[in-house]
């Protein structure tokens, strides 16, 4: 099973669960295909975008549990 944490790279999340892309866009992460997403962790991206990583991680996991 794929576990998403604050240390998970954004590109890996999108590869595993592309349906999460709208969540990233909704908080201002519009450059999902850029070079930064291929090496930036969820925690790093949240920090740069001024988003609480724990709250965003909760939203991601909620989205994934709905799609199971």
N, C-alpha and C. Protein backbone atom coordinates (compact mmCIF):
# COMPACT_ATOMS: atom_id res chain seq x y z
N UNK A 1 0.84 -1.18 0.00
CA UNK A 1 0.00 0.00 0.00
C UNK A 1 0.89 1.25 0.00
N UNK A 2 0.47 2.24 -0.72
CA UNK A 2 1.18 3.50 -0.83
C UNK A 2 0.76 4.41 0.31
N UNK A 3 1.73 4.84 1.10
CA UNK A 3 1.43 5.72 2.22
C UNK A 3 1.96 7.11 1.92
N UNK A 4 1.10 8.10 2.04
CA UNK A 4 1.49 9.48 1.81
C UNK A 4 1.84 10.11 3.15
N UNK A 5 3.03 10.71 3.21
CA UNK A 5 3.48 11.43 4.39
C UNK A 5 3.97 12.79 3.93
N UNK A 6 4.41 13.61 4.88
CA UNK A 6 4.97 14.92 4.53
C UNK A 6 6.27 14.77 3.76
N UNK A 7 6.89 13.61 3.82
CA UNK A 7 8.15 13.36 3.11
C UNK A 7 7.96 12.74 1.73
N UNK A 8 6.72 12.52 1.33
CA UNK A 8 6.45 11.93 0.02
C UNK A 8 6.60 13.01 -1.06
N UNK A 9 7.27 12.66 -2.13
CA UNK A 9 7.48 13.58 -3.25
C UNK A 9 6.15 13.77 -3.99
N UNK A 10 5.86 15.01 -4.35
CA UNK A 10 4.59 15.35 -5.00
C UNK A 10 4.38 14.53 -6.26
N UNK A 11 5.40 14.38 -7.08
CA UNK A 11 5.27 13.62 -8.33
C UNK A 11 4.86 12.18 -8.04
N UNK A 12 5.36 11.61 -6.96
CA UNK A 12 4.99 10.24 -6.59
C UNK A 12 3.52 10.16 -6.18
N UNK A 13 3.06 11.18 -5.47
CA UNK A 13 1.64 11.22 -5.08
C UNK A 13 0.77 11.27 -6.32
N UNK A 14 1.13 12.14 -7.26
CA UNK A 14 0.34 12.29 -8.47
C UNK A 14 0.39 11.06 -9.36
N UNK A 15 1.52 10.36 -9.37
CA UNK A 15 1.61 9.11 -10.12
C UNK A 15 0.69 8.06 -9.53
N UNK A 16 0.67 7.98 -8.20
CA UNK A 16 -0.15 6.99 -7.51
C UNK A 16 -1.63 7.37 -7.53
N UNK A 17 -1.91 8.65 -7.34
CA UNK A 17 -3.30 9.10 -7.20
C UNK A 17 -3.52 10.40 -7.97
N UNK A 18 -3.61 10.32 -9.29
CA UNK A 18 -3.79 11.55 -10.09
C UNK A 18 -5.05 12.32 -9.74
N UNK A 19 -6.01 11.65 -9.13
CA UNK A 19 -7.25 12.32 -8.74
C UNK A 19 -7.04 13.35 -7.63
N UNK A 20 -5.84 13.38 -7.05
CA UNK A 20 -5.55 14.36 -6.00
C UNK A 20 -5.10 15.71 -6.58
N UNK A 21 -4.84 15.77 -7.87
CA UNK A 21 -4.35 17.01 -8.49
C UNK A 21 -5.22 18.23 -8.16
N UNK A 22 -6.56 18.11 -8.21
CA UNK A 22 -7.37 19.30 -7.87
C UNK A 22 -7.12 19.83 -6.46
N UNK A 23 -6.77 18.96 -5.53
CA UNK A 23 -6.47 19.43 -4.17
C UNK A 23 -5.22 20.31 -4.17
N UNK A 24 -4.21 19.89 -4.92
CA UNK A 24 -2.99 20.68 -5.02
C UNK A 24 -3.29 22.04 -5.67
N UNK A 25 -4.05 22.02 -6.74
CA UNK A 25 -4.38 23.26 -7.45
C UNK A 25 -5.19 24.19 -6.55
N UNK A 26 -6.07 23.62 -5.73
CA UNK A 26 -6.94 24.44 -4.89
C UNK A 26 -6.17 25.24 -3.84
N UNK A 27 -4.95 24.83 -3.52
CA UNK A 27 -4.16 25.57 -2.53
C UNK A 27 -3.02 26.36 -3.19
N UNK A 28 -3.09 26.49 -4.51
CA UNK A 28 -2.12 27.33 -5.20
C UNK A 28 -0.94 26.60 -5.80
N UNK A 29 -0.93 25.29 -5.75
CA UNK A 29 0.16 24.52 -6.36
C UNK A 29 -0.22 24.22 -7.81
N UNK A 30 -0.01 25.21 -8.67
CA UNK A 30 -0.45 25.10 -10.06
C UNK A 30 0.58 24.43 -10.96
N UNK A 31 1.80 24.34 -10.54
CA UNK A 31 2.87 23.83 -11.39
C UNK A 31 3.14 22.35 -11.08
N UNK A 32 2.13 21.53 -11.23
CA UNK A 32 2.26 20.12 -10.85
C UNK A 32 3.18 19.34 -11.77
N UNK A 33 3.36 19.81 -12.98
CA UNK A 33 4.23 19.10 -13.92
C UNK A 33 5.63 19.69 -14.01
N UNK A 34 5.91 20.71 -13.21
CA UNK A 34 7.21 21.36 -13.32
C UNK A 34 8.30 20.54 -12.62
N UNK A 35 9.52 20.94 -12.83
CA UNK A 35 10.67 20.21 -12.28
C UNK A 35 10.63 20.16 -10.76
N UNK A 36 10.10 21.18 -10.12
CA UNK A 36 10.07 21.20 -8.65
C UNK A 36 9.22 20.05 -8.10
N UNK A 37 8.11 19.74 -8.76
CA UNK A 37 7.24 18.69 -8.23
C UNK A 37 7.89 17.31 -8.29
N UNK A 38 8.89 17.17 -9.15
CA UNK A 38 9.54 15.86 -9.26
C UNK A 38 10.53 15.62 -8.13
N UNK A 39 10.87 16.65 -7.36
CA UNK A 39 11.80 16.47 -6.27
C UNK A 39 11.36 17.08 -4.96
N UNK A 40 10.25 17.81 -4.99
CA UNK A 40 9.78 18.50 -3.79
C UNK A 40 8.83 17.61 -3.00
N UNK A 41 9.03 17.58 -1.70
CA UNK A 41 8.13 16.78 -0.87
C UNK A 41 6.85 17.55 -0.57
N UNK A 42 5.87 16.83 -0.11
CA UNK A 42 4.61 17.45 0.27
C UNK A 42 4.84 18.51 1.35
N UNK A 43 5.66 18.18 2.34
CA UNK A 43 5.94 19.13 3.41
C UNK A 43 6.62 20.39 2.91
N UNK A 44 7.58 20.23 2.01
CA UNK A 44 8.29 21.39 1.46
C UNK A 44 7.34 22.27 0.65
N UNK A 45 6.50 21.65 -0.16
CA UNK A 45 5.56 22.41 -0.97
C UNK A 45 4.56 23.16 -0.11
N UNK A 46 4.08 22.52 0.93
CA UNK A 46 3.13 23.18 1.83
C UNK A 46 3.78 24.38 2.50
N UNK A 47 5.02 24.22 2.90
CA UNK A 47 5.73 25.33 3.55
C UNK A 47 5.87 26.52 2.60
N UNK A 48 6.25 26.26 1.37
CA UNK A 48 6.44 27.31 0.38
C UNK A 48 5.12 28.03 0.08
N UNK A 49 4.02 27.26 0.09
CA UNK A 49 2.72 27.83 -0.26
C UNK A 49 1.92 28.29 0.95
N UNK A 50 2.52 28.24 2.14
CA UNK A 50 1.84 28.72 3.33
C UNK A 50 0.64 27.88 3.75
N UNK A 51 0.76 26.57 3.54
CA UNK A 51 -0.34 25.66 3.84
C UNK A 51 0.08 24.75 5.00
N UNK A 52 -0.83 24.49 5.91
CA UNK A 52 -0.55 23.57 7.01
C UNK A 52 -0.44 22.16 6.43
N UNK A 53 0.74 21.57 6.52
CA UNK A 53 1.00 20.26 5.92
C UNK A 53 0.13 19.17 6.54
N UNK A 54 -0.09 19.23 7.84
CA UNK A 54 -0.92 18.21 8.49
C UNK A 54 -2.36 18.25 7.99
N UNK A 55 -2.90 19.45 7.84
CA UNK A 55 -4.27 19.59 7.34
C UNK A 55 -4.37 19.13 5.89
N UNK A 56 -3.37 19.48 5.08
CA UNK A 56 -3.41 19.07 3.68
C UNK A 56 -3.25 17.56 3.56
N UNK A 57 -2.39 16.98 4.37
CA UNK A 57 -2.21 15.54 4.37
C UNK A 57 -3.52 14.84 4.75
N UNK A 58 -4.22 15.38 5.69
CA UNK A 58 -5.53 14.84 6.09
C UNK A 58 -6.51 14.89 4.92
N UNK A 59 -6.52 16.01 4.19
CA UNK A 59 -7.42 16.15 3.03
C UNK A 59 -7.05 15.15 1.94
N UNK A 60 -5.75 14.96 1.71
CA UNK A 60 -5.32 13.99 0.71
C UNK A 60 -5.77 12.58 1.08
N UNK A 61 -5.54 12.21 2.32
CA UNK A 61 -5.93 10.87 2.76
C UNK A 61 -7.43 10.68 2.72
N UNK A 62 -8.19 11.72 3.02
CA UNK A 62 -9.65 11.65 2.93
C UNK A 62 -10.07 11.43 1.48
N UNK A 63 -9.44 12.12 0.56
CA UNK A 63 -9.76 11.96 -0.87
C UNK A 63 -9.46 10.53 -1.32
N UNK A 64 -8.35 9.99 -0.87
CA UNK A 64 -7.97 8.63 -1.25
C UNK A 64 -8.91 7.60 -0.66
N UNK A 65 -9.36 7.80 0.57
CA UNK A 65 -10.27 6.82 1.18
C UNK A 65 -11.64 6.83 0.51
N UNK A 66 -12.06 7.96 -0.04
CA UNK A 66 -13.33 8.06 -0.75
C UNK A 66 -13.24 7.28 -2.07
N UNK A 67 -12.06 7.29 -2.68
CA UNK A 67 -11.89 6.65 -3.99
C UNK A 67 -11.59 5.16 -3.92
N UNK A 68 -11.55 4.60 -2.74
CA UNK A 68 -11.27 3.15 -2.61
C UNK A 68 -12.48 2.34 -2.91
